[in-house]
Amino acid sequence: MENKKIILITEDEKALRNALDDKLQKEGFTILDAENGEEGLALALLEHPDLILLDIVMPKMNGMKMLKELRADEWGKTVPVIMLTNLSSADEERNRDITALEPTYYFMKTDIKIEQVVEKIKERLGMM
């Protein structure tokens, strides 16, 4: 039997984190949780998940800083990252910064359903 894919959810909004946890576990994924960028970075570098869901605005270390530090690591250079944010996509400078760090996908939380996130995760991990 194939090993379960591991997803790290780095999200400070507990309700969203729990909803993502529940949905992804039902889809057969193993879930790791972090509620800020410091926890997320430490878990990512320790556990090497197959994919990271990453919020941008979080306490202690924001998602941009976490992604930048992740990309500086040999393993972290290639891990797929899906960025989630409530920030306006009209902020061109931030969008350029995000694009430079090469996330796999970048979604506005208000514009996407959890099912769409699951679909993108499966697509990126070659499970479609």
Protein backbone atom coordinates (compact mmCIF):
# COMPACT_ATOMS: atom_id res chain seq x y z
CA MET A 1 0.00 0.00 0.00
CA GLU A 2 1.25 3.48 -0.88
CA ASN A 3 2.27 5.74 1.99
CA LYS A 4 -0.16 8.51 2.79
CA LYS A 5 0.83 11.94 1.56
CA ILE A 6 1.63 14.40 4.34
CA ILE A 7 0.19 17.92 4.23
CA LEU A 8 1.40 20.67 6.57
CA ILE A 9 -1.28 23.29 7.26
CA THR A 10 0.25 26.53 8.56
CA GLU A 11 -2.75 28.70 9.39
CA ASP A 12 -3.53 30.85 12.43
CA GLU A 13 -7.33 30.84 11.94
CA LYS A 14 -8.36 27.83 14.02
CA ALA A 15 -11.76 27.36 12.31
CA LEU A 16 -10.21 27.26 8.83
CA ARG A 17 -7.34 25.04 10.00
CA ASN A 18 -9.83 22.59 11.54
CA ALA A 19 -12.01 22.59 8.40
CA LEU A 20 -8.97 21.89 6.21
CA ASP A 21 -7.80 19.18 8.64
CA ASP A 22 -11.16 17.41 8.56
CA LYS A 23 -11.55 17.55 4.79
CA LEU A 24 -7.98 16.46 4.02
CA GLN A 25 -8.08 13.59 6.54
CA LYS A 26 -11.31 12.36 4.93
CA GLU A 27 -9.47 12.45 1.60
CA GLY A 28 -6.79 10.15 3.05
CA PHE A 29 -3.99 12.61 3.82
CA THR A 30 -1.87 12.71 6.97
CA ILE A 31 -2.05 16.20 8.46
CA LEU A 32 0.48 18.28 10.38
CA ASP A 33 -0.70 21.56 11.93
CA ALA A 34 1.06 24.80 12.79
CA GLU A 35 -0.59 28.02 13.94
CA ASN A 36 2.23 30.41 13.01
CA GLY A 37 5.21 30.64 10.69
CA GLU A 38 7.80 29.69 13.32
CA GLU A 39 5.99 26.44 14.11
CA GLY A 40 5.35 25.82 10.42
CA LEU A 41 8.98 26.28 9.42
CA ALA A 42 10.24 24.04 12.24
CA LEU A 43 7.71 21.30 11.39
CA ALA A 44 8.40 21.54 7.67
CA LEU A 45 12.16 21.19 8.07
CA LEU A 46 11.75 18.35 10.58
CA GLU A 47 9.00 16.32 8.90
CA HIS A 48 9.46 17.14 5.17
CA PRO A 49 5.75 17.07 4.24
CA ASP A 50 4.72 16.40 0.64
CA LEU A 51 2.97 19.78 0.39
CA ILE A 52 2.46 22.89 2.54
CA LEU A 53 -0.68 25.02 2.81
CA LEU A 54 0.57 28.39 4.00
CA ASP A 55 -1.30 31.45 5.25
CA ILE A 56 0.45 34.79 4.69
CA VAL A 57 -0.72 36.88 7.66
CA MET A 58 0.18 35.06 10.89
CA PRO A 59 1.72 35.88 14.28
CA LYS A 60 5.41 35.34 15.16
CA MET A 61 6.52 34.78 11.56
CA ASN A 62 4.37 35.58 8.53
CA GLY A 63 3.98 33.24 5.59
CA MET A 64 6.22 35.29 3.31
CA LYS A 65 9.14 35.06 5.74
CA MET A 66 8.47 31.37 6.33
CA LEU A 67 8.43 30.66 2.59
CA LYS A 68 11.62 32.68 2.08
CA GLU A 69 13.41 30.70 4.82
CA LEU A 70 11.97 27.44 3.49
CA ARG A 71 13.27 28.18 -0.01
CA ALA A 72 16.77 28.76 1.45
CA ASP A 73 16.85 25.11 2.61
CA GLU A 74 17.98 22.40 0.18
CA TRP A 75 14.83 20.32 0.70
CA GLY A 76 12.62 23.41 1.00
CA LYS A 77 13.60 24.68 -2.47
CA THR A 78 11.36 22.13 -4.12
CA VAL A 79 8.46 21.44 -1.76
CA PRO A 80 5.10 22.45 -3.25
CA VAL A 81 3.50 25.36 -1.37
CA ILE A 82 -0.05 26.62 -1.75
CA MET A 83 -0.42 30.14 -0.33
CA LEU A 84 -3.72 31.20 1.22
CA THR A 85 -4.50 34.81 2.12
CA ASN A 86 -7.20 37.32 2.91
CA LEU A 87 -5.07 40.15 1.53
CA SER A 88 -6.24 41.94 -1.57
CA SER A 89 -4.80 40.73 -4.84
CA ALA A 90 -4.59 44.41 -5.85
CA ASP A 91 -1.35 44.74 -3.86
CA GLU A 92 1.05 44.40 -6.81
CA GLU A 93 4.25 44.62 -4.78
CA ARG A 94 3.18 41.77 -2.49
CA ASN A 95 2.10 39.69 -5.49
CA ARG A 96 5.55 40.15 -7.07
CA ASP A 97 7.18 39.10 -3.79
CA ILE A 98 4.99 35.99 -3.61
CA THR A 99 5.66 35.07 -7.24
CA ALA A 100 9.43 35.44 -6.73
CA LEU A 101 9.28 32.81 -3.96
CA GLU A 102 7.60 30.37 -6.35
CA PRO A 103 4.58 29.04 -4.55
CA THR A 104 2.75 26.36 -6.53
CA TYR A 105 -0.58 28.19 -6.21
CA TYR A 106 -1.78 31.39 -4.59
CA PHE A 107 -5.42 31.70 -3.49
CA MET A 108 -7.61 34.34 -1.89
CA LYS A 109 -9.44 32.62 0.98
CA THR A 110 -12.65 34.46 0.11
CA ASP A 111 -12.55 33.23 -3.50
CA ILE A 112 -11.98 29.50 -3.01
CA LYS A 113 -13.82 26.54 -1.52
CA ILE A 114 -12.05 23.82 0.46
CA GLU A 115 -12.94 21.31 -2.29
CA GLN A 116 -10.96 23.43 -4.77
CA VAL A 117 -7.95 23.45 -2.43
CA VAL A 118 -8.15 19.64 -2.18
CA GLU A 119 -8.37 19.40 -5.98
CA LYS A 120 -5.23 21.55 -6.40
CA ILE A 121 -3.37 19.50 -3.77
CA LYS A 122 -4.23 16.24 -5.57
CA GLU A 123 -3.33 17.78 -8.93
CA ARG A 124 0.05 19.00 -7.66
CA LEU A 125 0.86 15.66 -6.00
CA GLY A 126 -0.03 13.74 -9.18
CA MET A 127 -3.10 12.07 -7.67
CA MET A 128 -5.63 13.11 -10.31
